[in-house]
Amino acid sequence: MINVYGLFKPSLALELGINALEKEGFEKSKLQLVTLEPGQPGKQRLLDTTYASDGMSLMDGVAISASLGMVLGAIYGSVVFIGPVALGLVGMAGGGGLGFLLDRWKQRKNGPKYTVPTGDIIVVVRCGNEELAARAEDIMREYSSTALGRA
């Protein structure tokens, strides 16, 4: 017994795919649908990591404005009595704070960047041989399966 797994987004293509499987001879008793509940979006993080990025961190604007403030502070620090290094550090802190405030303002003005997650549906087809499994995979591919697998 071979199980063919297909991952689908809830759509008309899923319904049409299930109907096509039934027309090809796969009985309802050989089909199983598993609905996955959508994950809730987490709180926004200040820093993104390599492995977990939500695409909404605030560090881009902070880094750009801090760099700009540091460069301007180092350039004009040679004229001021405090010196280029000290004024560069002050410019970095001031630019970073300004960038953080601008990013927060922009985020509140535009609203959240993420979309509401929708659950996925796994379609499991129990097949008796390799030929039926290949036919089930072809039908799932035709009707926009996100991912396929066999076990």
Protein backbone atom coordinates (compact mmCIF):
# COMPACT_ATOMS: atom_id res chain seq x y z
CA MET A 1 0.00 0.00 0.00
CA ILE A 2 1.47 3.32 -1.11
CA ASN A 3 0.30 6.62 0.34
CA VAL A 4 0.60 9.75 -1.80
CA TYR A 5 0.51 13.07 0.05
CA GLY A 6 -0.32 16.41 -1.54
CA LEU A 7 -0.29 19.79 0.17
CA PHE A 8 -2.85 22.33 -1.08
CA LYS A 9 -3.98 25.82 -0.25
CA PRO A 10 -7.76 26.07 0.25
CA SER A 11 -9.03 26.94 -3.22
CA LEU A 12 -11.22 25.88 -6.09
CA ALA A 13 -8.27 23.94 -7.53
CA LEU A 14 -8.34 21.68 -4.46
CA GLU A 15 -12.01 20.87 -4.97
CA LEU A 16 -11.49 20.23 -8.66
CA GLY A 17 -8.51 18.01 -7.87
CA ILE A 18 -10.53 15.91 -5.43
CA ASN A 19 -13.30 15.54 -8.03
CA ALA A 20 -10.72 14.51 -10.65
CA LEU A 21 -9.29 11.89 -8.27
CA GLU A 22 -12.77 10.49 -7.68
CA LYS A 23 -13.47 10.38 -11.44
CA GLU A 24 -10.20 8.49 -11.99
CA GLY A 25 -11.44 5.71 -9.75
CA PHE A 26 -10.07 6.65 -6.35
CA GLU A 27 -12.96 5.97 -3.98
CA LYS A 28 -13.83 8.28 -1.09
CA SER A 29 -12.64 5.59 1.30
CA LYS A 30 -9.14 5.84 -0.24
CA LEU A 31 -9.01 9.64 0.10
CA GLN A 32 -8.32 11.40 3.36
CA LEU A 33 -8.19 15.17 3.95
CA VAL A 34 -6.26 16.66 6.85
CA THR A 35 -6.77 20.35 7.56
CA LEU A 36 -3.92 22.20 9.21
CA GLU A 37 -4.78 25.12 11.45
CA PRO A 38 -3.07 28.39 10.55
CA GLY A 39 -0.23 29.56 12.73
CA GLN A 40 -0.72 32.87 14.45
CA PRO A 41 1.80 35.58 13.62
CA GLY A 42 4.11 36.25 16.53
CA LYS A 43 5.09 39.55 18.02
CA GLN A 44 7.40 41.71 15.99
CA ARG A 45 11.02 41.35 16.92
CA LEU A 46 13.53 44.14 16.91
CA LEU A 47 16.22 41.93 15.38
CA ASP A 48 15.87 39.27 12.72
CA THR A 49 18.03 36.18 12.81
CA THR A 50 19.33 34.05 9.98
CA TYR A 51 16.84 31.30 10.76
CA ALA A 52 13.78 33.26 11.82
CA SER A 53 12.92 36.37 9.86
CA ASP A 54 9.47 37.91 9.78
CA GLY A 55 10.49 40.64 7.34
CA MET A 56 9.31 43.37 9.70
CA SER A 57 12.36 44.15 11.82
CA LEU A 58 13.26 47.71 12.58
CA MET A 59 17.00 47.39 12.16
CA ASP A 60 17.28 48.49 8.53
CA GLY A 61 16.31 52.11 9.11
CA VAL A 62 18.25 52.23 12.37
CA ALA A 63 21.44 50.96 10.73
CA ILE A 64 21.18 53.31 7.76
CA SER A 65 20.51 56.42 9.81
CA ALA A 66 23.14 55.52 12.43
CA SER A 67 25.75 55.08 9.69
CA LEU A 68 24.78 58.38 8.13
CA GLY A 69 24.93 60.16 11.50
CA MET A 70 28.31 58.62 12.29
CA VAL A 71 29.81 59.67 8.95
CA LEU A 72 28.50 63.22 9.27
CA GLY A 73 29.72 63.40 12.86
CA ALA A 74 33.20 62.23 11.86
CA ILE A 75 33.35 64.70 8.97
CA TYR A 76 32.23 67.74 10.94
CA GLY A 77 33.93 66.63 14.16
CA SER A 78 37.27 67.86 12.92
CA VAL A 79 35.93 71.41 13.00
CA VAL A 80 34.37 71.14 16.48
CA PHE A 81 36.50 71.04 19.64
CA ILE A 82 35.05 67.67 20.75
CA GLY A 83 36.83 65.79 17.94
CA PRO A 84 35.81 63.53 15.08
CA VAL A 85 35.67 60.26 17.04
CA ALA A 86 33.47 61.58 19.84
CA LEU A 87 31.17 63.46 17.47
CA GLY A 88 30.98 60.35 15.25
CA LEU A 89 29.77 58.31 18.23
CA VAL A 90 27.25 61.00 19.15
CA GLY A 91 26.07 61.10 15.53
CA MET A 92 25.73 57.31 15.50
CA ALA A 93 23.60 57.30 18.65
CA GLY A 94 21.47 60.22 17.49
CA GLY A 95 21.01 58.80 13.99
CA GLY A 96 20.12 55.37 15.35
CA GLY A 97 17.51 56.85 17.66
CA LEU A 98 16.07 58.98 14.88
CA GLY A 99 15.96 55.97 12.54
CA PHE A 100 14.19 53.88 15.18
CA LEU A 101 11.55 56.56 15.69
CA LEU A 102 11.03 56.98 11.93
CA ASP A 103 10.65 53.21 11.44
CA ARG A 104 8.10 52.98 14.26
CA TRP A 105 6.15 55.93 12.85
CA LYS A 106 6.16 54.41 9.37
CA GLN A 107 5.05 51.04 10.74
CA ARG A 108 2.13 52.54 12.65
CA LYS A 109 1.11 54.66 9.68
CA ASN A 110 1.14 51.78 7.16
CA GLY A 111 -0.21 49.09 9.48
CA PRO A 112 1.09 45.54 9.77
CA LYS A 113 3.01 44.15 6.79
CA TYR A 114 2.00 40.55 7.28
CA THR A 115 -1.08 38.88 5.88
CA VAL A 116 -3.40 36.66 7.84
CA PRO A 117 -2.14 33.10 7.50
CA THR A 118 -4.48 30.56 5.95
CA GLY A 119 -4.43 26.91 6.83
CA ASP A 120 -3.29 24.28 4.40
CA ILE A 121 -4.93 20.98 3.52
CA ILE A 122 -3.12 17.68 3.12
CA VAL A 123 -4.75 15.20 0.74
CA VAL A 124 -3.77 11.58 1.36
CA VAL A 125 -4.50 9.03 -1.38
CA ARG A 126 -4.06 5.33 -0.61
CA CYS A 127 -2.93 3.50 -3.73
CA GLY A 128 -2.51 -0.23 -4.39
CA ASN A 129 0.41 -0.07 -6.82
CA GLU A 130 3.01 2.23 -8.40
CA GLU A 131 0.86 2.97 -11.45
CA LEU A 132 -2.02 4.30 -9.36
CA ALA A 133 0.40 6.31 -7.22
CA ALA A 134 1.93 7.93 -10.32
CA ARG A 135 -1.54 8.74 -11.66
CA ALA A 136 -2.56 10.32 -8.32
CA GLU A 137 0.63 12.42 -8.29
CA ASP A 138 -0.03 13.61 -11.85
CA ILE A 139 -3.56 14.69 -10.94
CA MET A 140 -2.34 16.53 -7.84
CA ARG A 141 0.35 18.34 -9.87
CA GLU A 142 -2.24 19.31 -12.46
CA TYR A 143 -4.43 20.91 -9.78
CA SER A 144 -1.72 23.07 -8.16
CA SER A 145 -0.38 20.98 -5.34
CA THR A 146 2.16 22.94 -3.31
CA ALA A 147 4.16 19.85 -2.36
CA LEU A 148 4.01 16.11 -3.02
CA GLY A 149 5.34 13.10 -1.18
CA ARG A 150 5.09 9.31 -0.97
CA ALA A 151 5.31 6.85 1.87
